[in-house]
Amino acid sequence: MEEQKEAVKNEVKRKDPRFERRLKARKQEILNTMVNLFFTERSSLKDPEGEEADAIFIKYRNMWIAECKAFNKPTNRPFTLRGNAFTDQVDKILKMEKANQKKANEERQYLDFNHWIRRSAGWKHMFFHALWYWIKTRGNKDKQLQCWKHCYITTQ
């Protein structure tokens, strides 16, 4: 049993030949270029989710598929290009974009609430609200903050 573990431990991964690594890098660069061109053209549109964006997506996806067909035609190729790679790359970037946008919205809401509570809430501006929240929460600052957030949401 230990001999098998030793054999697996000493096993070296097969390193791709230099030609194959460079060819993969070139094809990856072509894919990245097409994805960047798609997003560049998409960003210039008024509606980046509309039909024009779909037409641009189809144009670049078809270009990538044509590249894949031309590369995959010979039987002695070192690897196979996937036609779905372009779609996968675009979906990955769109998901990242949506996650970043959601995070930015949350940060903006947090900053807006902090600005509102500094300027429009508290003992100076809403004395009776502050007194009621202090009595209701028995002086617990976290619960008071939740009450102020509820007040902010209802007034905005």
N, C-alpha and C. Protein backbone atom coordinates (compact mmCIF):
# COMPACT_ATOMS: atom_id res chain seq x y z
N MET A 1 0.82 -1.19 0.00
CA MET A 1 0.00 0.00 0.00
C MET A 1 0.87 1.26 0.00
N GLU A 2 1.90 1.24 0.83
CA GLU A 2 2.78 2.40 0.91
C GLU A 2 3.56 2.59 -0.39
N GLU A 3 3.89 1.46 -1.04
CA GLU A 3 4.63 1.55 -2.31
C GLU A 3 3.80 2.26 -3.38
N GLN A 4 2.47 2.02 -3.39
CA GLN A 4 1.61 2.68 -4.36
C GLN A 4 1.55 4.18 -4.09
N LYS A 5 1.48 4.56 -2.82
CA LYS A 5 1.47 5.98 -2.48
C LYS A 5 2.77 6.64 -2.89
N GLU A 6 3.88 5.93 -2.68
CA GLU A 6 5.20 6.45 -3.08
C GLU A 6 5.26 6.63 -4.59
N ALA A 7 4.72 5.65 -5.32
CA ALA A 7 4.75 5.71 -6.79
C ALA A 7 3.92 6.89 -7.28
N VAL A 8 2.77 7.13 -6.69
CA VAL A 8 1.91 8.24 -7.09
C VAL A 8 2.58 9.56 -6.72
N LYS A 9 3.23 9.59 -5.58
CA LYS A 9 3.86 10.82 -5.12
C LYS A 9 5.01 11.22 -6.04
N ASN A 10 5.77 10.24 -6.51
CA ASN A 10 6.94 10.53 -7.35
C ASN A 10 6.60 10.71 -8.82
N GLU A 11 5.35 10.45 -9.18
CA GLU A 11 4.93 10.56 -10.58
C GLU A 11 4.96 12.03 -11.01
N VAL A 12 5.54 12.29 -12.16
CA VAL A 12 5.65 13.66 -12.67
C VAL A 12 4.57 13.89 -13.70
N LYS A 13 3.95 15.08 -13.63
CA LYS A 13 2.94 15.42 -14.63
C LYS A 13 3.62 15.60 -15.98
N ARG A 14 2.92 15.16 -17.03
CA ARG A 14 3.42 15.33 -18.39
C ARG A 14 3.31 16.79 -18.77
N LYS A 15 4.40 17.39 -19.14
CA LYS A 15 4.40 18.77 -19.55
C LYS A 15 4.20 18.84 -21.06
N ASP A 16 3.30 19.72 -21.47
CA ASP A 16 3.04 19.85 -22.91
C ASP A 16 4.28 20.38 -23.61
N PRO A 17 4.47 19.96 -24.87
CA PRO A 17 5.60 20.50 -25.63
C PRO A 17 5.44 22.01 -25.85
N ARG A 18 6.53 22.67 -26.11
CA ARG A 18 6.52 24.12 -26.27
C ARG A 18 5.60 24.56 -27.40
N PHE A 19 5.62 23.83 -28.52
CA PHE A 19 4.76 24.18 -29.65
C PHE A 19 3.29 24.15 -29.24
N GLU A 20 2.90 23.12 -28.49
CA GLU A 20 1.50 22.98 -28.06
C GLU A 20 1.11 24.09 -27.09
N ARG A 21 1.99 24.42 -26.16
CA ARG A 21 1.69 25.51 -25.22
C ARG A 21 1.52 26.83 -25.95
N ARG A 22 2.39 27.09 -26.91
CA ARG A 22 2.29 28.34 -27.67
C ARG A 22 1.04 28.38 -28.53
N LEU A 23 0.68 27.26 -29.10
CA LEU A 23 -0.53 27.19 -29.91
C LEU A 23 -1.78 27.42 -29.05
N LYS A 24 -1.80 26.83 -27.86
CA LYS A 24 -2.92 27.06 -26.94
C LYS A 24 -3.01 28.54 -26.57
N ALA A 25 -1.85 29.15 -26.32
CA ALA A 25 -1.84 30.58 -25.95
C ALA A 25 -2.35 31.43 -27.10
N ARG A 26 -1.97 31.09 -28.34
CA ARG A 26 -2.45 31.85 -29.50
C ARG A 26 -3.96 31.74 -29.66
N LYS A 27 -4.48 30.52 -29.52
CA LYS A 27 -5.93 30.32 -29.66
C LYS A 27 -6.68 31.00 -28.51
N GLN A 28 -6.11 30.97 -27.31
CA GLN A 28 -6.74 31.66 -26.18
C GLN A 28 -6.74 33.16 -26.42
N GLU A 29 -5.68 33.67 -27.00
CA GLU A 29 -5.61 35.10 -27.32
C GLU A 29 -6.66 35.48 -28.36
N ILE A 30 -6.87 34.62 -29.35
CA ILE A 30 -7.91 34.88 -30.36
C ILE A 30 -9.28 34.91 -29.69
N LEU A 31 -9.54 33.95 -28.80
CA LEU A 31 -10.81 33.91 -28.09
C LEU A 31 -10.99 35.17 -27.24
N ASN A 32 -9.97 35.56 -26.51
CA ASN A 32 -10.05 36.77 -25.67
C ASN A 32 -10.28 38.01 -26.52
N THR A 33 -9.65 38.08 -27.68
CA THR A 33 -9.84 39.22 -28.57
C THR A 33 -11.29 39.31 -29.04
N MET A 34 -11.86 38.16 -29.42
CA MET A 34 -13.26 38.16 -29.87
C MET A 34 -14.20 38.56 -28.73
N VAL A 35 -13.93 38.07 -27.53
CA VAL A 35 -14.77 38.44 -26.37
C VAL A 35 -14.65 39.93 -26.10
N ASN A 36 -13.44 40.47 -26.15
CA ASN A 36 -13.25 41.90 -25.92
C ASN A 36 -13.92 42.74 -26.99
N LEU A 37 -13.83 42.32 -28.24
CA LEU A 37 -14.51 43.05 -29.31
C LEU A 37 -16.02 43.03 -29.12
N PHE A 38 -16.54 41.87 -28.70
CA PHE A 38 -17.98 41.78 -28.44
C PHE A 38 -18.39 42.77 -27.36
N PHE A 39 -17.66 42.80 -26.24
CA PHE A 39 -18.03 43.70 -25.15
C PHE A 39 -17.81 45.16 -25.52
N THR A 40 -16.83 45.44 -26.36
CA THR A 40 -16.61 46.81 -26.81
C THR A 40 -17.79 47.29 -27.65
N GLU A 41 -18.21 46.47 -28.61
CA GLU A 41 -19.36 46.86 -29.44
C GLU A 41 -20.65 46.91 -28.62
N ARG A 42 -20.79 45.98 -27.68
CA ARG A 42 -21.99 45.94 -26.85
C ARG A 42 -22.09 47.18 -25.97
N SER A 43 -20.97 47.65 -25.46
CA SER A 43 -20.99 48.80 -24.57
C SER A 43 -21.35 50.09 -25.30
N SER A 44 -21.18 50.13 -26.62
CA SER A 44 -21.51 51.33 -27.38
C SER A 44 -23.01 51.43 -27.71
N LEU A 45 -23.75 50.37 -27.43
CA LEU A 45 -25.19 50.36 -27.72
C LEU A 45 -25.99 51.04 -26.62
N LYS A 46 -27.15 51.57 -26.99
CA LYS A 46 -28.04 52.17 -25.99
C LYS A 46 -28.63 51.10 -25.08
N ASP A 47 -29.02 49.97 -25.68
CA ASP A 47 -29.60 48.87 -24.91
C ASP A 47 -28.68 47.65 -25.03
N PRO A 48 -27.78 47.43 -24.03
CA PRO A 48 -26.83 46.32 -24.14
C PRO A 48 -27.47 44.94 -23.99
N GLU A 49 -28.76 44.88 -23.69
CA GLU A 49 -29.44 43.59 -23.57
C GLU A 49 -30.40 43.35 -24.73
N GLY A 50 -30.42 44.23 -25.73
CA GLY A 50 -31.40 44.17 -26.80
C GLY A 50 -31.02 43.26 -27.95
N GLU A 51 -31.78 43.42 -29.03
CA GLU A 51 -31.60 42.58 -30.22
C GLU A 51 -30.28 42.87 -30.93
N GLU A 52 -29.86 44.13 -30.92
CA GLU A 52 -28.60 44.47 -31.58
C GLU A 52 -27.43 43.76 -30.89
N ALA A 53 -27.49 43.69 -29.57
CA ALA A 53 -26.44 43.00 -28.82
C ALA A 53 -26.45 41.51 -29.14
N ASP A 54 -27.65 40.95 -29.31
CA ASP A 54 -27.75 39.54 -29.69
C ASP A 54 -27.14 39.30 -31.07
N ALA A 55 -27.38 40.21 -31.99
CA ALA A 55 -26.80 40.07 -33.34
C ALA A 55 -25.28 40.14 -33.28
N ILE A 56 -24.75 41.03 -32.47
CA ILE A 56 -23.29 41.14 -32.31
C ILE A 56 -22.75 39.86 -31.68
N PHE A 57 -23.45 39.34 -30.67
CA PHE A 57 -23.03 38.09 -30.02
C PHE A 57 -22.98 36.95 -31.03
N ILE A 58 -24.03 36.85 -31.84
CA ILE A 58 -24.09 35.77 -32.83
C ILE A 58 -22.96 35.92 -33.85
N LYS A 59 -22.66 37.16 -34.24
CA LYS A 59 -21.58 37.40 -35.20
C LYS A 59 -20.25 36.88 -34.66
N TYR A 60 -19.91 37.26 -33.44
CA TYR A 60 -18.62 36.83 -32.87
C TYR A 60 -18.61 35.36 -32.50
N ARG A 61 -19.76 34.83 -32.07
CA ARG A 61 -19.82 33.39 -31.79
C ARG A 61 -19.60 32.59 -33.06
N ASN A 62 -20.20 33.03 -34.17
CA ASN A 62 -20.00 32.33 -35.44
C ASN A 62 -18.56 32.43 -35.92
N MET A 63 -17.93 33.58 -35.67
CA MET A 63 -16.50 33.71 -36.01
C MET A 63 -15.67 32.72 -35.22
N TRP A 64 -15.98 32.56 -33.93
CA TRP A 64 -15.23 31.61 -33.10
C TRP A 64 -15.49 30.17 -33.55
N ILE A 65 -16.73 29.86 -33.89
CA ILE A 65 -17.06 28.50 -34.36
C ILE A 65 -16.33 28.21 -35.67
N ALA A 66 -16.25 29.20 -36.56
CA ALA A 66 -15.51 29.01 -37.81
C ALA A 66 -14.03 28.76 -37.51
N GLU A 67 -13.49 29.49 -36.55
CA GLU A 67 -12.09 29.26 -36.14
C GLU A 67 -11.90 27.85 -35.59
N CYS A 68 -12.86 27.38 -34.80
CA CYS A 68 -12.80 26.03 -34.24
C CYS A 68 -12.87 24.97 -35.34
N LYS A 69 -13.79 25.18 -36.30
CA LYS A 69 -13.92 24.20 -37.38
C LYS A 69 -12.65 24.12 -38.21
N ALA A 70 -12.05 25.26 -38.50
CA ALA A 70 -10.82 25.26 -39.28
C ALA A 70 -9.68 24.59 -38.52
N PHE A 71 -9.62 24.81 -37.21
CA PHE A 71 -8.53 24.22 -36.42
C PHE A 71 -8.75 22.73 -36.18
N ASN A 72 -10.01 22.32 -35.97
CA ASN A 72 -10.30 20.94 -35.63
C ASN A 72 -10.36 20.00 -36.85
N LYS A 73 -10.26 20.55 -38.05
CA LYS A 73 -10.38 19.73 -39.26
C LYS A 73 -9.27 18.67 -39.38
N PRO A 74 -7.99 19.03 -39.26
CA PRO A 74 -6.95 17.99 -39.38
C PRO A 74 -7.01 16.99 -38.22
N THR A 75 -6.65 15.75 -38.49
CA THR A 75 -6.72 14.71 -37.47
C THR A 75 -5.51 14.71 -36.55
N ASN A 76 -4.42 15.34 -36.94
CA ASN A 76 -3.21 15.33 -36.12
C ASN A 76 -3.08 16.57 -35.23
N ARG A 77 -4.18 17.19 -34.89
CA ARG A 77 -4.14 18.38 -34.04
C ARG A 77 -3.78 17.97 -32.61
N PRO A 78 -3.08 18.82 -31.88
CA PRO A 78 -2.67 18.46 -30.52
C PRO A 78 -3.81 18.54 -29.50
N PHE A 79 -4.82 19.34 -29.76
CA PHE A 79 -5.97 19.47 -28.87
C PHE A 79 -7.16 19.92 -29.69
N THR A 80 -8.34 19.93 -29.09
CA THR A 80 -9.57 20.30 -29.78
C THR A 80 -10.12 21.58 -29.19
N LEU A 81 -10.52 22.50 -30.06
CA LEU A 81 -11.16 23.74 -29.59
C LEU A 81 -12.65 23.50 -29.43
N ARG A 82 -13.21 24.07 -28.38
CA ARG A 82 -14.64 23.94 -28.13
C ARG A 82 -15.38 25.13 -28.70
N GLY A 83 -16.49 24.88 -29.36
CA GLY A 83 -17.32 25.95 -29.91
C GLY A 83 -18.04 26.74 -28.82
N ASN A 84 -18.30 26.09 -27.69
CA ASN A 84 -19.01 26.76 -26.60
C ASN A 84 -18.09 27.63 -25.75
N ALA A 85 -16.82 27.65 -26.02
CA ALA A 85 -15.88 28.41 -25.20
C ALA A 85 -16.21 29.90 -25.22
N PHE A 86 -16.61 30.42 -26.37
CA PHE A 86 -16.95 31.84 -26.48
C PHE A 86 -18.16 32.16 -25.60
N THR A 87 -19.20 31.33 -25.68
CA THR A 87 -20.41 31.54 -24.88
C THR A 87 -20.09 31.44 -23.39
N ASP A 88 -19.28 30.46 -23.02
CA ASP A 88 -18.91 30.29 -21.62
C ASP A 88 -18.15 31.51 -21.09
N GLN A 89 -17.23 32.02 -21.89
CA GLN A 89 -16.43 33.17 -21.49
C GLN A 89 -17.32 34.41 -21.31
N VAL A 90 -18.23 34.62 -22.25
CA VAL A 90 -19.13 35.78 -22.17
C VAL A 90 -20.05 35.66 -20.96
N ASP A 91 -20.59 34.47 -20.71
CA ASP A 91 -21.46 34.26 -19.55
C ASP A 91 -20.71 34.50 -18.25
N LYS A 92 -19.48 34.05 -18.19
CA LYS A 92 -18.66 34.25 -17.00
C LYS A 92 -18.45 35.74 -16.72
N ILE A 93 -18.15 36.49 -17.75
CA ILE A 93 -17.91 37.93 -17.59
C ILE A 93 -19.20 38.65 -17.22
N LEU A 94 -20.32 38.25 -17.82
CA LEU A 94 -21.60 38.88 -17.49
C LEU A 94 -22.00 38.61 -16.04
N LYS A 95 -21.75 37.39 -15.55
CA LYS A 95 -22.04 37.08 -14.16
C LYS A 95 -21.17 37.92 -13.22
N MET A 96 -19.90 38.06 -13.57
CA MET A 96 -19.01 38.89 -12.75
C MET A 96 -19.49 40.34 -12.75
N GLU A 97 -19.92 40.81 -13.92
CA GLU A 97 -20.40 42.19 -14.04
C GLU A 97 -21.64 42.41 -13.17
N LYS A 98 -22.58 41.46 -13.20
CA LYS A 98 -23.79 41.59 -12.39
C LYS A 98 -23.47 41.52 -10.90
N ALA A 99 -22.54 40.65 -10.51
CA ALA A 99 -22.15 40.56 -9.10
C ALA A 99 -21.49 41.86 -8.64
N ASN A 100 -20.64 42.43 -9.48
CA ASN A 100 -19.99 43.69 -9.13
C ASN A 100 -21.00 44.83 -9.05
N GLN A 101 -21.98 44.83 -9.95
CA GLN A 101 -23.01 45.86 -9.93
C GLN A 101 -23.87 45.74 -8.67
N LYS A 102 -24.20 44.52 -8.28
CA LYS A 102 -24.98 44.30 -7.07
C LYS A 102 -24.21 44.77 -5.84
N LYS A 103 -22.92 44.45 -5.80
CA LYS A 103 -22.07 44.88 -4.69
C LYS A 103 -21.98 46.40 -4.63
N ALA A 104 -21.84 47.04 -5.77
CA ALA A 104 -21.76 48.51 -5.81
C ALA A 104 -23.07 49.14 -5.35
N ASN A 105 -24.21 48.54 -5.73
CA ASN A 105 -25.51 49.06 -5.28
C ASN A 105 -25.65 48.95 -3.76
N GLU A 106 -25.21 47.84 -3.20
CA GLU A 106 -25.28 47.66 -1.76
C GLU A 106 -24.41 48.69 -1.04
N GLU A 107 -23.21 48.92 -1.55
CA GLU A 107 -22.32 49.91 -0.96
C GLU A 107 -22.93 51.31 -1.05
N ARG A 108 -23.53 51.62 -2.20
CA ARG A 108 -24.16 52.93 -2.37
C ARG A 108 -25.32 53.11 -1.41
N GLN A 109 -26.14 52.07 -1.22
CA GLN A 109 -27.25 52.14 -0.28
C GLN A 109 -26.75 52.34 1.14
N TYR A 110 -25.67 51.68 1.49
CA TYR A 110 -25.09 51.83 2.82
C TYR A 110 -24.62 53.27 3.03
N LEU A 111 -23.94 53.82 2.02
CA LEU A 111 -23.47 55.20 2.12
C LEU A 111 -24.64 56.19 2.17
N ASP A 112 -25.68 55.94 1.39
CA ASP A 112 -26.86 56.80 1.40
C ASP A 112 -27.53 56.79 2.77
N PHE A 113 -27.65 55.60 3.37
CA PHE A 113 -28.27 55.50 4.69
C PHE A 113 -27.43 56.25 5.73
N ASN A 114 -26.11 56.07 5.68
CA ASN A 114 -25.25 56.76 6.64
C ASN A 114 -25.36 58.28 6.48
N HIS A 115 -25.45 58.75 5.25
CA HIS A 115 -25.60 60.18 5.01
C HIS A 115 -26.95 60.66 5.56
N TRP A 116 -28.02 59.90 5.32
CA TRP A 116 -29.34 60.27 5.79
C TRP A 116 -29.39 60.31 7.32
N ILE A 117 -28.81 59.31 7.97
CA ILE A 117 -28.89 59.26 9.43
C ILE A 117 -28.07 60.39 10.05
N ARG A 118 -26.99 60.80 9.40
CA ARG A 118 -26.19 61.92 9.90
C ARG A 118 -26.92 63.24 9.73
N ARG A 119 -27.59 63.41 8.59
CA ARG A 119 -28.20 64.70 8.25
C ARG A 119 -29.65 64.86 8.70
N SER A 120 -30.44 63.80 8.63
CA SER A 120 -31.88 63.96 8.82
C SER A 120 -32.46 63.20 10.00
N ALA A 121 -31.68 62.40 10.68
CA ALA A 121 -32.22 61.59 11.77
C ALA A 121 -31.44 61.87 13.04
N GLY A 122 -31.86 61.22 14.13
CA GLY A 122 -31.16 61.36 15.39
C GLY A 122 -31.89 62.29 16.35
N TRP A 123 -31.23 62.55 17.45
CA TRP A 123 -31.85 63.35 18.52
C TRP A 123 -32.16 64.78 18.08
N LYS A 124 -31.31 65.36 17.24
CA LYS A 124 -31.50 66.75 16.85
C LYS A 124 -32.69 66.94 15.92
N HIS A 125 -32.86 66.05 14.96
CA HIS A 125 -33.84 66.25 13.90
C HIS A 125 -35.16 65.52 14.14
N MET A 126 -35.08 64.33 14.71
CA MET A 126 -36.29 63.53 14.96
C MET A 126 -36.28 63.08 16.41
N PHE A 127 -36.50 64.02 17.27
CA PHE A 127 -36.38 63.76 18.71
C PHE A 127 -37.33 62.67 19.17
N PHE A 128 -38.61 62.76 18.77
CA PHE A 128 -39.60 61.80 19.26
C PHE A 128 -39.36 60.40 18.68
N HIS A 129 -38.93 60.35 17.43
CA HIS A 129 -38.57 59.04 16.85
C HIS A 129 -37.41 58.43 17.63
N ALA A 130 -36.38 59.23 17.87
CA ALA A 130 -35.20 58.72 18.56
C ALA A 130 -35.56 58.27 19.97
N LEU A 131 -36.40 59.04 20.66
CA LEU A 131 -36.82 58.67 22.01
C LEU A 131 -37.63 57.37 21.98
N TRP A 132 -38.56 57.28 21.02
CA TRP A 132 -39.36 56.06 20.91
C TRP A 132 -38.49 54.85 20.60
N TYR A 133 -37.53 54.97 19.68
CA TYR A 133 -36.65 53.85 19.35
C TYR A 133 -35.78 53.46 20.55
N TRP A 134 -35.37 54.45 21.33
CA TRP A 134 -34.55 54.16 22.49
C TRP A 134 -35.36 53.40 23.54
N ILE A 135 -36.62 53.79 23.75
CA ILE A 135 -37.49 53.10 24.71
C ILE A 135 -37.83 51.71 24.19
N LYS A 136 -38.18 51.63 22.92
CA LYS A 136 -38.60 50.36 22.30
C LYS A 136 -37.49 49.32 22.36
N THR A 137 -36.25 49.74 22.15
CA THR A 137 -35.12 48.80 22.09
C THR A 137 -34.36 48.71 23.41
N ARG A 138 -34.80 49.47 24.40
CA ARG A 138 -34.16 49.50 25.72
C ARG A 138 -32.68 49.86 25.62
N GLY A 139 -32.37 50.77 24.75
CA GLY A 139 -31.01 51.29 24.62
C GLY A 139 -30.06 50.44 23.79
N ASN A 140 -30.53 49.34 23.19
CA ASN A 140 -29.67 48.49 22.37
C ASN A 140 -29.39 49.19 21.04
N LYS A 141 -28.13 49.52 20.80
CA LYS A 141 -27.77 50.31 19.61
C LYS A 141 -28.02 49.56 18.31
N ASP A 142 -27.77 48.24 18.29
CA ASP A 142 -28.00 47.47 17.07
C ASP A 142 -29.49 47.47 16.69
N LYS A 143 -30.34 47.29 17.68
CA LYS A 143 -31.78 47.30 17.40
C LYS A 143 -32.25 48.70 17.00
N GLN A 144 -31.66 49.73 17.62
CA GLN A 144 -32.00 51.10 17.24
C GLN A 144 -31.63 51.35 15.78
N LEU A 145 -30.47 50.86 15.39
CA LEU A 145 -30.04 51.02 14.00
C LEU A 145 -31.02 50.34 13.05
N GLN A 146 -31.51 49.16 13.44
CA GLN A 146 -32.50 48.48 12.61
C GLN A 146 -33.78 49.30 12.51
N CYS A 147 -34.18 49.92 13.60
CA CYS A 147 -35.39 50.78 13.57
C CYS A 147 -35.16 51.98 12.65
N TRP A 148 -33.97 52.57 12.72
CA TRP A 148 -33.67 53.71 11.85
C TRP A 148 -33.64 53.28 10.38
N LYS A 149 -33.12 52.08 10.11
CA LYS A 149 -33.12 51.58 8.72
C LYS A 149 -34.55 51.40 8.22
N HIS A 150 -35.41 50.88 9.08
CA HIS A 150 -36.82 50.73 8.70
C HIS A 150 -37.44 52.10 8.43
N CYS A 151 -37.14 53.05 9.27
CA CYS A 151 -37.65 54.42 9.08
C CYS A 151 -37.13 55.00 7.76
N TYR A 152 -35.86 54.76 7.46
CA TYR A 152 -35.25 55.26 6.22
C TYR A 152 -35.94 54.65 5.00
N ILE A 153 -36.19 53.35 5.07
CA ILE A 153 -36.82 52.66 3.94
C ILE A 153 -38.24 53.18 3.70
N THR A 154 -38.99 53.41 4.78
CA THR A 154 -40.37 53.85 4.62
C THR A 154 -40.45 55.31 4.17
N THR A 155 -39.47 56.14 4.53
CA THR A 155 -39.53 57.55 4.14
C THR A 155 -38.96 57.80 2.76
N GLN A 156 -38.15 56.90 2.25
CA GLN A 156 -37.52 57.12 0.95
C GLN A 156 -38.31 56.59 -0.18
